[in-house]
C-alpha atoms as a PDB file:
ATOM      1  CA  MET A   1      19.068   8.154   4.229  1.00  0.00           C
ATOM      2  CA  SER A   2      19.906  11.318   2.351  1.00  0.00           C
ATOM      3  CA  LYS A   3      17.689  14.038   1.008  1.00  0.00           C
ATOM      4  CA  SER A   4      16.576  13.439  -2.555  1.00  0.00           C
ATOM      5  CA  ALA A   5      17.430  15.801  -5.372  1.00  0.00           C
ATOM      6  CA  VAL A   6      13.992  16.827  -6.579  1.00  0.00           C
ATOM      7  CA  VAL A   7      14.086  17.675 -10.279  1.00  0.00           C
ATOM      8  CA  GLU A   8      12.943  21.179 -11.249  1.00  0.00           C
ATOM      9  CA  PRO A   9       9.572  20.917 -13.018  1.00  0.00           C
ATOM     10  CA  PRO A  10       9.497  21.649 -16.758  1.00  0.00           C
ATOM     11  CA  GLN A  11       7.641  24.565 -18.309  1.00  0.00           C
ATOM     12  CA  LEU A  12       4.689  23.075 -20.174  1.00  0.00           C
ATOM     13  CA  THR A  13       2.536  24.432 -22.959  1.00  0.00           C
ATOM     14  CA  SER A  14      -1.259  24.312 -22.710  1.00  0.00           C
ATOM     15  CA  THR A  15      -1.273  21.312 -25.036  1.00  0.00           C
ATOM     16  CA  GLU A  16       1.312  19.514 -22.913  1.00  0.00           C
ATOM     17  CA  ILE A  17      -0.701  20.291 -19.776  1.00  0.00           C
ATOM     18  CA  ASP A  18      -3.816  18.807 -21.373  1.00  0.00           C
ATOM     19  CA  GLN A  19      -1.926  15.689 -22.453  1.00  0.00           C
ATOM     20  CA  THR A  20      -0.316  15.237 -19.042  1.00  0.00           C
ATOM     21  CA  LEU A  21      -3.640  15.561 -17.210  1.00  0.00           C
ATOM     22  CA  GLN A  22      -5.202  12.995 -19.506  1.00  0.00           C
ATOM     23  CA  LYS A  23      -2.262  10.617 -19.064  1.00  0.00           C
ATOM     24  CA  ILE A  24      -2.648  10.794 -15.277  1.00  0.00           C
ATOM     25  CA  ALA A  25      -6.401  10.213 -15.537  1.00  0.00           C
ATOM     26  CA  ASP A  26      -5.857   7.283 -17.900  1.00  0.00           C
ATOM     27  CA  GLY A  27      -3.469   5.790 -15.337  1.00  0.00           C
ATOM     28  CA  PHE A  28      -6.344   5.485 -12.868  1.00  0.00           C
ATOM     29  CA  SER A  29      -8.378   3.481 -15.370  1.00  0.00           C
ATOM     30  CA  GLN A  30      -5.595   1.137 -16.536  1.00  0.00           C
ATOM     31  CA  GLN A  31      -2.861   0.757 -13.946  1.00  0.00           C
ATOM     32  CA  LEU A  32       0.715  -0.175 -14.809  1.00  0.00           C
ATOM     33  CA  ARG A  33       1.608  -3.623 -13.465  1.00  0.00           C
ATOM     34  CA  SER A  34       4.995  -4.010 -11.812  1.00  0.00           C
ATOM     35  CA  PRO A  35       6.678  -7.394 -12.397  1.00  0.00           C
ATOM     36  CA  VAL A  36       7.426  -9.960  -9.721  1.00  0.00           C
ATOM     37  CA  LEU A  37      11.216  -9.721 -10.019  1.00  0.00           C
ATOM     38  CA  HIS A  38      12.160 -11.467  -6.786  1.00  0.00           C
ATOM     39  CA  GLN A  39      11.094 -14.547  -4.860  1.00  0.00           C
ATOM     40  CA  PRO A  40      11.410 -15.640  -1.212  1.00  0.00           C
ATOM     41  CA  SER A  41      13.887 -18.360  -2.218  1.00  0.00           C
ATOM     42  CA  GLU A  42      16.451 -15.597  -2.835  1.00  0.00           C
ATOM     43  CA  VAL A  43      16.751 -15.207   0.948  1.00  0.00           C
ATOM     44  CA  GLY A  44      16.460 -18.921   1.709  1.00  0.00           C
ATOM     45  CA  LEU A  45      12.730 -19.027   2.417  1.00  0.00           C
ATOM     46  CA  ALA A  46      10.549 -21.963   1.423  1.00  0.00           C
ATOM     47  CA  PHE A  47       7.209 -20.824   0.044  1.00  0.00           C
ATOM     48  CA  GLN A  48       4.016 -21.932  -1.650  1.00  0.00           C
ATOM     49  CA  ASP A  49       2.454 -20.270  -4.679  1.00  0.00           C
ATOM     50  CA  VAL A  50      -1.164 -19.739  -3.670  1.00  0.00           C
ATOM     51  CA  THR A  51      -4.315 -18.415  -5.249  1.00  0.00           C
ATOM     52  CA  PHE A  52      -7.522 -17.442  -3.507  1.00  0.00           C
ATOM     53  CA  PRO A  53     -10.632 -15.421  -4.283  1.00  0.00           C
ATOM     54  CA  SER A  54     -11.271 -11.860  -3.279  1.00  0.00           C
ATOM     55  CA  LEU A  55     -14.633 -11.175  -1.620  1.00  0.00           C
ATOM     56  CA  ASP A  56     -16.161 -10.649  -5.090  1.00  0.00           C
ATOM     57  CA  GLY A  57     -14.469 -13.720  -6.579  1.00  0.00           C
ATOM     58  CA  THR A  58     -11.535 -11.983  -8.285  1.00  0.00           C
ATOM     59  CA  PRO A  59      -8.629 -14.498  -8.341  1.00  0.00           C
ATOM     60  CA  LEU A  60      -5.645 -13.222  -6.354  1.00  0.00           C
ATOM     61  CA  GLU A  61      -2.116 -14.628  -6.602  1.00  0.00           C
ATOM     62  CA  GLY A  62       0.298 -14.750  -3.690  1.00  0.00           C
ATOM     63  CA  TRP A  63       2.827 -16.586  -1.600  1.00  0.00           C
ATOM     64  CA  PHE A  64       2.424 -18.413   1.680  1.00  0.00           C
ATOM     65  CA  ILE A  65       5.714 -18.557   3.565  1.00  0.00           C
ATOM     66  CA  PRO A  66       5.525 -21.130   6.380  1.00  0.00           C
ATOM     67  CA  CYS A  67       7.341 -20.802   9.676  1.00  0.00           C
ATOM     68  CA  GLU A  68       7.656 -24.227  11.242  1.00  0.00           C
ATOM     69  CA  GLY A  69       6.134 -24.488  14.710  1.00  0.00           C
ATOM     70  CA  SER A  70       4.545 -21.015  14.627  1.00  0.00           C
ATOM     71  CA  ARG A  71       0.851 -20.432  15.314  1.00  0.00           C
ATOM     72  CA  LYS A  72       0.940 -16.834  14.123  1.00  0.00           C
ATOM     73  CA  VAL A  73       0.530 -15.356  10.649  1.00  0.00           C
ATOM     74  CA  ILE A  74       1.093 -11.864   9.231  1.00  0.00           C
ATOM     75  CA  VAL A  75      -0.904 -10.916   6.120  1.00  0.00           C
ATOM     76  CA  CYS A  76       0.994  -8.421   3.950  1.00  0.00           C
ATOM     77  CA  ASN A  77      -0.141  -6.356   0.996  1.00  0.00           C
ATOM     78  CA  HIS A  78       1.608  -3.700  -1.070  1.00  0.00           C
ATOM     79  CA  PRO A  79       1.653  -0.038  -2.179  1.00  0.00           C
ATOM     80  CA  MET A  80       0.031   1.322  -5.319  1.00  0.00           C
ATOM     81  CA  GLY A  81       1.903   0.304  -8.455  1.00  0.00           C
ATOM     82  CA  PHE A  82       3.899  -2.385  -6.652  1.00  0.00           C
ATOM     83  CA  SER A  83       3.650  -6.149  -6.748  1.00  0.00           C
ATOM     84  CA  ARG A  84       4.150  -8.413  -3.739  1.00  0.00           C
ATOM     85  CA  SER A  85       7.890  -8.410  -4.562  1.00  0.00           C
ATOM     86  CA  GLY A  86       8.259  -4.631  -4.832  1.00  0.00           C
ATOM     87  CA  MET A  87       8.695  -1.950  -7.496  1.00  0.00           C
ATOM     88  CA  PRO A  88      11.473  -1.794 -10.148  1.00  0.00           C
ATOM     89  CA  THR A  89      11.694   1.989 -10.083  1.00  0.00           C
ATOM     90  CA  HIS A  90      15.297   1.751 -11.272  1.00  0.00           C
ATOM     91  CA  LEU A  91      13.941   0.552 -14.645  1.00  0.00           C
ATOM     92  CA  GLU A  92      11.746   2.150 -17.298  1.00  0.00           C
ATOM     93  CA  PRO A  93       8.921   3.057 -17.469  1.00  0.00           C
ATOM     94  CA  TRP A  94       8.688   3.154 -13.674  1.00  0.00           C
ATOM     95  CA  LYS A  95      11.870   5.209 -13.293  1.00  0.00           C
ATOM     96  CA  SER A  96      10.599   8.111 -15.405  1.00  0.00           C
ATOM     97  CA  ALA A  97       7.239   8.039 -13.660  1.00  0.00           C
ATOM     98  CA  TRP A  98       8.768   8.628 -10.214  1.00  0.00           C
ATOM     99  CA  ALA A  99      12.133  10.321 -10.873  1.00  0.00           C
ATOM    100  CA  SER A 100      10.822  13.870 -10.309  1.00  0.00           C
ATOM    101  CA  SER A 101      10.096  13.002  -6.657  1.00  0.00           C
ATOM    102  CA  GLY A 102      13.481  11.333  -6.113  1.00  0.00           C
ATOM    103  CA  ASN A 103      11.929   7.869  -5.909  1.00  0.00           C
ATOM    104  CA  ASP A 104      13.840   6.342  -8.804  1.00  0.00           C
ATOM    105  CA  PHE A 105      15.405   3.382  -7.010  1.00  0.00           C
ATOM    106  CA  GLU A 106      14.201  -0.186  -6.607  1.00  0.00           C
ATOM    107  CA  VAL A 107      12.174  -1.291  -3.601  1.00  0.00           C
ATOM    108  CA  ASN A 108      12.530  -5.036  -2.985  1.00  0.00           C
ATOM    109  CA  LEU A 109      10.011  -6.265  -0.399  1.00  0.00           C
ATOM    110  CA  ILE A 110      11.427  -9.786  -0.045  1.00  0.00           C
ATOM    111  CA  PRO A 111      13.638  -8.855   2.964  1.00  0.00           C
ATOM    112  CA  ASP A 112      10.473  -7.818   4.827  1.00  0.00           C
ATOM    113  CA  TYR A 113       9.173 -11.371   4.654  1.00  0.00           C
ATOM    114  CA  LYS A 114      12.505 -12.768   5.806  1.00  0.00           C
ATOM    115  CA  ILE A 115      12.458 -10.512   8.870  1.00  0.00           C
ATOM    116  CA  LEU A 116       8.889 -11.515   9.735  1.00  0.00           C
ATOM    117  CA  HIS A 117       9.637 -15.214   9.199  1.00  0.00           C
ATOM    118  CA  ASP A 118      12.763 -15.102  11.341  1.00  0.00           C
ATOM    119  CA  ALA A 119      10.773 -13.343  14.081  1.00  0.00           C
ATOM    120  CA  GLY A 120       8.473 -16.362  14.240  1.00  0.00           C
ATOM    121  CA  TYR A 121       5.628 -15.589  11.843  1.00  0.00           C
ATOM    122  CA  ASN A 122       4.072 -17.367   8.923  1.00  0.00           C
ATOM    123  CA  VAL A 123       3.528 -14.874   6.102  1.00  0.00           C
ATOM    124  CA  LEU A 124       0.809 -14.521   3.483  1.00  0.00           C
ATOM    125  CA  THR A 125       1.485 -11.885   0.832  1.00  0.00           C
ATOM    126  CA  TYR A 126      -0.467 -11.280  -2.351  1.00  0.00           C
ATOM    127  CA  ASP A 127      -0.901  -9.033  -5.371  1.00  0.00           C
ATOM    128  CA  LEU A 128      -3.926  -6.753  -5.159  1.00  0.00           C
ATOM    129  CA  ARG A 129      -6.397  -6.823  -8.050  1.00  0.00           C
ATOM    130  CA  ASN A 130      -5.169  -5.221 -11.270  1.00  0.00           C
ATOM    131  CA  PHE A 131      -1.570  -5.617 -10.118  1.00  0.00           C
ATOM    132  CA  ARG A 132       1.000  -8.066 -11.390  1.00  0.00           C
ATOM    133  CA  LEU A 133      -0.274 -11.660 -11.403  1.00  0.00           C
ATOM    134  CA  SER A 134      -3.676 -11.139  -9.799  1.00  0.00           C
ATOM    135  CA  SER A 135      -6.654 -10.876 -12.108  1.00  0.00           C
ATOM    136  CA  ALA A 136      -8.126  -7.751 -13.622  1.00  0.00           C
ATOM    137  CA  ALA A 137     -11.343  -6.504 -12.059  1.00  0.00           C
ATOM    138  CA  ASN A 138     -13.676  -3.518 -12.309  1.00  0.00           C
ATOM    139  CA  GLY A 139     -12.424  -2.864 -15.815  1.00  0.00           C
ATOM    140  CA  GLY A 140      -8.899  -2.300 -14.487  1.00  0.00           C
ATOM    141  CA  VAL A 141     -10.002   0.766 -12.519  1.00  0.00           C
ATOM    142  CA  GLY A 142      -7.918   1.822  -9.519  1.00  0.00           C
ATOM    143  CA  SER A 143     -10.177   2.987  -6.703  1.00  0.00           C
ATOM    144  CA  SER A 144      -7.637   4.017  -4.027  1.00  0.00           C
ATOM    145  CA  GLY A 145      -8.793   1.242  -1.700  1.00  0.00           C
ATOM    146  CA  ILE A 146     -12.539   0.946  -2.322  1.00  0.00           C
ATOM    147  CA  PHE A 147     -12.629  -2.085  -4.645  1.00  0.00           C
ATOM    148  CA  GLU A 148      -9.242  -3.294  -3.362  1.00  0.00           C
ATOM    149  CA  SER A 149     -10.727  -3.628   0.134  1.00  0.00           C
ATOM    150  CA  ARG A 150     -12.432  -6.786  -1.121  1.00  0.00           C
ATOM    151  CA  ASP A 151      -8.962  -8.312  -1.550  1.00  0.00           C
ATOM    152  CA  VAL A 152      -8.116  -7.601   2.094  1.00  0.00           C
ATOM    153  CA  ILE A 153     -11.319  -9.336   3.168  1.00  0.00           C
ATOM    154  CA  GLY A 154     -10.586 -12.230   0.809  1.00  0.00           C
ATOM    155  CA  SER A 155      -7.120 -12.690   2.297  1.00  0.00           C
ATOM    156  CA  LEU A 156      -8.597 -13.063   5.786  1.00  0.00           C
ATOM    157  CA  HIS A 157     -11.231 -15.505   4.538  1.00  0.00           C
ATOM    158  CA  TYR A 158      -8.424 -17.510   2.936  1.00  0.00           C
ATOM    159  CA  ILE A 159      -6.358 -17.685   6.129  1.00  0.00           C
ATOM    160  CA  ARG A 160      -9.458 -18.872   7.999  1.00  0.00           C
ATOM    161  CA  SER A 161     -10.197 -21.512   5.357  1.00  0.00           C
ATOM    162  CA  ARG A 162      -6.825 -23.260   5.353  1.00  0.00           C
ATOM    163  CA  PRO A 163      -6.655 -26.198   7.782  1.00  0.00           C
ATOM    164  CA  ASP A 164      -3.113 -25.245   8.786  1.00  0.00           C
ATOM    165  CA  THR A 165      -3.821 -21.546   9.449  1.00  0.00           C
ATOM    166  CA  ARG A 166      -7.485 -21.286  10.465  1.00  0.00           C
ATOM    167  CA  ASN A 167      -6.669 -21.257  14.185  1.00  0.00           C
ATOM    168  CA  MET A 168      -3.613 -19.015  13.995  1.00  0.00           C
ATOM    169  CA  LEU A 169      -3.298 -15.569  15.544  1.00  0.00           C
ATOM    170  CA  VAL A 170      -3.536 -13.012  12.732  1.00  0.00           C
ATOM    171  CA  GLY A 171      -1.794  -9.663  12.289  1.00  0.00           C
ATOM    172  CA  LEU A 172      -1.850  -7.291   9.317  1.00  0.00           C
ATOM    173  CA  PHE A 173       0.997  -5.410   7.615  1.00  0.00           C
ATOM    174  CA  SER A 174      -0.641  -2.998   5.160  1.00  0.00           C
ATOM    175  CA  ARG A 175       1.187  -0.455   3.006  1.00  0.00           C
ATOM    176  CA  CYS A 176      -0.001   2.648   1.079  1.00  0.00           C
ATOM    177  CA  LEU A 177      -2.804   1.466  -1.249  1.00  0.00           C
ATOM    178  CA  GLY A 178      -2.897  -1.741   0.775  1.00  0.00           C
ATOM    179  CA  CYS A 179      -3.288   0.366   3.903  1.00  0.00           C
ATOM    180  CA  ASN A 180      -6.126   2.420   2.391  1.00  0.00           C
ATOM    181  CA  SER A 181      -7.755  -0.844   1.319  1.00  0.00           C
ATOM    182  CA  THR A 182      -7.563  -2.192   4.867  1.00  0.00           C
ATOM    183  CA  LEU A 183      -9.138   0.977   6.254  1.00  0.00           C
ATOM    184  CA  TYR A 184     -12.028   0.755   3.802  1.00  0.00           C
ATOM    185  CA  ALA A 185     -12.454  -2.958   4.523  1.00  0.00           C
ATOM    186  CA  MET A 186     -12.857  -2.173   8.224  1.00  0.00           C
ATOM    187  CA  LYS A 187     -15.591   0.298   7.304  1.00  0.00           C
ATOM    188  CA  ALA A 188     -17.340  -2.083   4.894  1.00  0.00           C
ATOM    189  CA  SER A 189     -17.025  -5.316   6.882  1.00  0.00           C
ATOM    190  CA  PRO A 190     -15.979  -4.785  10.509  1.00  0.00           C
ATOM    191  CA  GLU A 191     -17.043  -8.319  11.417  1.00  0.00           C
ATOM    192  CA  THR A 192     -14.256  -9.691   9.201  1.00  0.00           C
ATOM    193  CA  PHE A 193     -11.685  -8.239  11.603  1.00  0.00           C
ATOM    194  CA  ALA A 194     -13.037  -9.935  14.704  1.00  0.00           C
ATOM    195  CA  GLY A 195     -10.077 -11.800  16.150  1.00  0.00           C
ATOM    196  CA  VAL A 196      -7.427  -9.906  14.166  1.00  0.00           C
ATOM    197  CA  ARG A 197      -4.880  -8.976  16.802  1.00  0.00           C
ATOM    198  CA  CYS A 198      -3.242  -5.852  15.361  1.00  0.00           C
ATOM    199  CA  LEU A 199      -2.314  -3.784  12.343  1.00  0.00           C
ATOM    200  CA  VAL A 200       0.968  -2.202  11.282  1.00  0.00           C
ATOM    201  CA  LYS A 201       0.253   0.286   8.542  1.00  0.00           C
ATOM    202  CA  LEU A 202       2.603   2.318   6.401  1.00  0.00           C
ATOM    203  CA  GLN A 203       1.957   5.594   4.611  1.00  0.00           C
ATOM    204  CA  PRO A 204      -1.781   5.773   3.950  1.00  0.00           C
ATOM    205  CA  VAL A 205      -2.552   8.648   1.619  1.00  0.00           C
ATOM    206  CA  ASP A 206      -5.372  10.871   0.455  1.00  0.00           C
ATOM    207  CA  THR A 207      -5.377  10.555  -3.340  1.00  0.00           C
ATOM    208  CA  GLN A 208      -6.012  14.243  -3.933  1.00  0.00           C
ATOM    209  CA  THR A 209      -3.039  15.162  -1.747  1.00  0.00           C
ATOM    210  CA  ILE A 210      -0.524  12.947  -3.526  1.00  0.00           C
ATOM    211  CA  VAL A 211      -1.818  13.818  -6.992  1.00  0.00           C
ATOM    212  CA  THR A 212      -1.619  17.553  -6.208  1.00  0.00           C
ATOM    213  CA  HIS A 213       2.064  17.121  -5.376  1.00  0.00           C
ATOM    214  CA  GLN A 214       2.584  15.082  -8.532  1.00  0.00           C
ATOM    215  CA  LEU A 215       1.073  17.925 -10.582  1.00  0.00           C
ATOM    216  CA  ARG A 216       3.492  20.392  -9.028  1.00  0.00           C
ATOM    217  CA  LEU A 217       6.483  18.153  -9.713  1.00  0.00           C
ATOM    218  CA  ALA A 218       5.338  17.703 -13.310  1.00  0.00           C
ATOM    219  CA  GLY A 219       5.206  21.464 -13.824  1.00  0.00           C
ATOM    220  CA  LEU A 220       1.415  21.723 -13.917  1.00  0.00           C
ATOM    221  CA  PRO A 221      -0.464  24.465 -12.064  1.00  0.00           C
ATOM    222  CA  THR A 222      -2.051  23.070  -8.910  1.00  0.00           C
ATOM    223  CA  ALA A 223      -5.283  24.756 -10.030  1.00  0.00           C
ATOM    224  CA  SER A 224      -5.448  21.922 -12.576  1.00  0.00           C
ATOM    225  CA  ILE A 225      -6.539  19.590  -9.778  1.00  0.00           C
ATOM    226  CA  ASP A 226     -10.244  20.277 -10.366  1.00  0.00           C
ATOM    227  CA  ASP A 227      -9.861  19.523 -14.068  1.00  0.00           C
ATOM    228  CA  LEU A 228      -7.998  16.319 -13.219  1.00  0.00           C
ATOM    229  CA  ASP A 229     -10.664  15.331 -10.697  1.00  0.00           C
ATOM    230  CA  ARG A 230     -13.297  15.649 -13.423  1.00  0.00           C
ATOM    231  CA  ARG A 231     -11.225  13.589 -15.871  1.00  0.00           C
ATOM    232  CA  ILE A 232     -10.600  10.846 -13.312  1.00  0.00           C
ATOM    233  CA  GLN A 233     -14.295  10.681 -12.473  1.00  0.00           C
ATOM    234  CA  LEU A 234     -15.141  10.404 -16.179  1.00  0.00           C
ATOM    235  CA  LYS A 235     -12.642   7.533 -16.557  1.00  0.00           C
ATOM    236  CA  THR A 236     -13.398   5.659 -13.325  1.00  0.00           C
ATOM    237  CA  GLY A 237     -16.677   6.924 -11.847  1.00  0.00           C
ATOM    238  CA  ILE A 238     -14.895   7.794  -8.575  1.00  0.00           C
ATOM    239  CA  ASN A 239     -13.860  11.349  -7.708  1.00  0.00           C
ATOM    240  CA  PHE A 240     -11.282  12.498  -5.167  1.00  0.00           C
ATOM    241  CA  ALA A 241     -13.825  13.132  -2.417  1.00  0.00           C
ATOM    242  CA  ALA A 242     -14.907   9.481  -2.493  1.00  0.00           C
ATOM    243  CA  ARG A 243     -11.284   8.314  -2.188  1.00  0.00           C
ATOM    244  CA  ASN A 244     -10.483  10.029   1.117  1.00  0.00           C
ATOM    245  CA  PRO A 245      -9.176   7.634   3.824  1.00  0.00           C
ATOM    246  CA  HIS A 246      -9.701  10.169   6.631  1.00  0.00           C
ATOM    247  CA  GLU A 247     -13.295   9.038   7.090  1.00  0.00           C
ATOM    248  CA  TRP A 248     -12.420   5.358   6.703  1.00  0.00           C
ATOM    249  CA  ALA A 249      -9.921   5.672   9.568  1.00  0.00           C
ATOM    250  CA  LYS A 250     -12.851   6.243  11.940  1.00  0.00           C
ATOM    251  CA  HIS A 251     -13.659   2.540  11.561  1.00  0.00           C
ATOM    252  CA  VAL A 252     -10.260   1.118  12.554  1.00  0.00           C
ATOM    253  CA  CYS A 253     -11.000  -1.568  15.117  1.00  0.00           C
ATOM    254  CA  VAL A 254      -7.676  -3.225  16.049  1.00  0.00           C
ATOM    255  CA  PRO A 255      -4.539  -1.892  17.802  1.00  0.00           C
ATOM    256  CA  THR A 256      -2.626   0.034  15.145  1.00  0.00           C
ATOM    257  CA  PHE A 257       0.954   1.199  14.642  1.00  0.00           C
ATOM    258  CA  LEU A 258       1.282   3.798  11.866  1.00  0.00           C
ATOM    259  CA  TYR A 259       4.561   5.045  10.391  1.00  0.00           C
ATOM    260  CA  GLN A 260       5.358   7.589   7.677  1.00  0.00           C
ATOM    261  CA  VAL A 261       8.155   9.674   6.136  1.00  0.00           C
ATOM    262  CA  HIS A 262       7.456  13.064   7.745  1.00  0.00           C
ATOM    263  CA  ASP A 263       8.868  15.209   4.933  1.00  0.00           C
ATOM    264  CA  ASP A 264       7.604  13.012   2.094  1.00  0.00           C
ATOM    265  CA  VAL A 265       7.680  15.257  -0.979  1.00  0.00           C
ATOM    266  CA  LEU A 266       4.495  13.601  -2.241  1.00  0.00           C
ATOM    267  CA  THR A 267       2.311  14.171   0.820  1.00  0.00           C
ATOM    268  CA  GLU A 268       1.732  16.415   3.822  1.00  0.00           C
ATOM    269  CA  PRO A 269       2.247  15.447   7.480  1.00  0.00           C
ATOM    270  CA  SER A 270      -1.252  16.728   8.244  1.00  0.00           C
ATOM    271  CA  ASP A 271      -2.735  14.106   5.907  1.00  0.00           C
ATOM    272  CA  VAL A 272      -1.350  11.169   7.888  1.00  0.00           C
ATOM    273  CA  GLN A 273      -1.870  12.952  11.202  1.00  0.00           C
ATOM    274  CA  THR A 274      -5.577  13.227  10.391  1.00  0.00           C
ATOM    275  CA  VAL A 275      -5.757   9.505   9.634  1.00  0.00           C
ATOM    276  CA  PHE A 276      -4.119   8.812  12.989  1.00  0.00           C
ATOM    277  CA  ASP A 277      -6.283  11.257  14.942  1.00  0.00           C
ATOM    278  CA  ASN A 278      -9.468   9.825  13.436  1.00  0.00           C
ATOM    279  CA  MET A 279      -8.764   6.272  14.580  1.00  0.00           C
ATOM    280  CA  PRO A 280     -11.088   5.675  17.580  1.00  0.00           C
ATOM    281  CA  LEU A 281      -8.520   3.714  19.578  1.00  0.00           C
ATOM    282  CA  SER A 282      -6.495   4.049  22.725  1.00  0.00           C
ATOM    283  CA  GLU A 283      -4.004   1.425  21.516  1.00  0.00           C
ATOM    284  CA  LYS A 284      -2.428   3.304  18.647  1.00  0.00           C
ATOM    285  CA  GLU A 285       0.960   4.824  17.884  1.00  0.00           C
ATOM    286  CA  LEU A 286       2.316   7.169  15.201  1.00  0.00           C
ATOM    287  CA  PHE A 287       6.009   7.090  14.307  1.00  0.00           C
ATOM    288  CA  TRP A 288       7.591   9.661  11.995  1.00  0.00           C
ATOM    289  CA  ILE A 289      10.631   8.870   9.847  1.00  0.00           C
ATOM    290  CA  TYR A 290      12.969  11.868   9.572  1.00  0.00           C
ATOM    291  CA  GLY A 291      16.092  12.559   7.513  1.00  0.00           C
ATOM    292  CA  THR A 292      14.599  11.975   4.071  1.00  0.00           C
ATOM    293  CA  ASP A 293      11.881  13.322   1.800  1.00  0.00           C
ATOM    294  CA  ARG A 294      11.696  10.191  -0.369  1.00  0.00           C
ATOM    295  CA  ARG A 295       8.512   8.184   0.054  1.00  0.00           C
ATOM    296  CA  TRP A 296      10.313   5.020  -1.022  1.00  0.00           C
ATOM    297  CA  ASP A 297      12.567   5.272   2.065  1.00  0.00           C
ATOM    298  CA  GLY A 298       9.410   4.667   4.072  1.00  0.00           C
ATOM    299  CA  TYR A 299       8.770   1.464   2.160  1.00  0.00           C
ATOM    300  CA  ALA A 300      12.328   0.311   2.828  1.00  0.00           C
ATOM    301  CA  TYR A 301      12.404   1.411   6.467  1.00  0.00           C
ATOM    302  CA  PHE A 302      11.220  -1.891   7.949  1.00  0.00           C
ATOM    303  CA  GLN A 303      14.227  -3.655   6.439  1.00  0.00           C
ATOM    304  CA  LEU A 304      16.618  -1.275   8.167  1.00  0.00           C
ATOM    305  CA  HIS A 305      14.838  -0.642  11.450  1.00  0.00           C
ATOM    306  CA  PRO A 306      12.178  -3.294  12.133  1.00  0.00           C
ATOM    307  CA  GLU A 307      12.346  -3.077  15.916  1.00  0.00           C
ATOM    308  CA  ARG A 308       9.287  -0.912  16.587  1.00  0.00           C
ATOM    309  CA  MET A 309       7.025  -2.826  14.238  1.00  0.00           C
ATOM    310  CA  LEU A 310       8.190  -6.215  15.488  1.00  0.00           C
ATOM    311  CA  ALA A 311       7.611  -5.045  19.052  1.00  0.00           C
ATOM    312  CA  TRP A 312       4.044  -4.060  18.127  1.00  0.00           C
ATOM    313  CA  PHE A 313       3.373  -7.465  16.627  1.00  0.00           C
ATOM    314  CA  ALA A 314       4.987  -9.231  19.593  1.00  0.00           C
ATOM    315  CA  THR A 315       2.953  -7.280  22.137  1.00  0.00           C
ATOM    316  CA  HIS A 316      -0.393  -7.891  20.484  1.00  0.00           C
ATOM    317  CA  MET A 317       0.148 -11.405  19.136  1.00  0.00           C
ATOM    318  CA  SER A 318       1.479 -13.040  22.275  1.00  0.00           C
END
């Protein structure tokens, strides 16, 4: 994995700065939905189209991928802006949105499910609210994991309601926004995670941290962050301080493996380190991915090097 060529930020006028800040704020109130471009059948997997309610009744769409003879299931969710099948960042308008950080290539998540299936796991994966085929909720507002946590809880209720899965061992594979959502769900409803065997989580993020880096890459002064915070709160009712996963991490209650691109141009190592340090567990591990500064390489890492994550699942779901 090579270093990305980060594009030099443009020089913006005061009017362009104002318009860019408002565009970012608007994006938190009406999120862009990535399409479901791929299906499990592309890699030879049988699957069921499923729908189930979030904790608050929001209809969620997903796939259940059965693994014959297995009594174990991994529940997978996705990063911000993705669908269950990935992110078409090689196409517009997604390409332009992420090109400045070097993340202008497609991430296809279907191989992840193939790896998990072939390792002996049933898989449930779903679109979070306000993304792709799942229903709109909360006026379309993105909350960095607060409202989306209800989807995590709903997915566990669904697994426990199906006759064929209710007695299975359960593990979680949560990524980015999905990871933040899982952390908040553990804070809001710890009893829901009783019996969950383990969690593999990828690249949780403090919203203020990633947005600050996005401002820099867009050529905006980082001092604009306070103005943006105010605009986002006006659009969504939720400011940056309320979106911080560092506090939520203090409620993690299952053995957890965390991995992250160390030099991610959109975050800081200290952000993820704080999440890790705040987890009140002895059974936890942090793995850094080196050799790239592209966040998307973290999302694709499992497909290239799944050994550590599969070992974590195997150890805790035996």
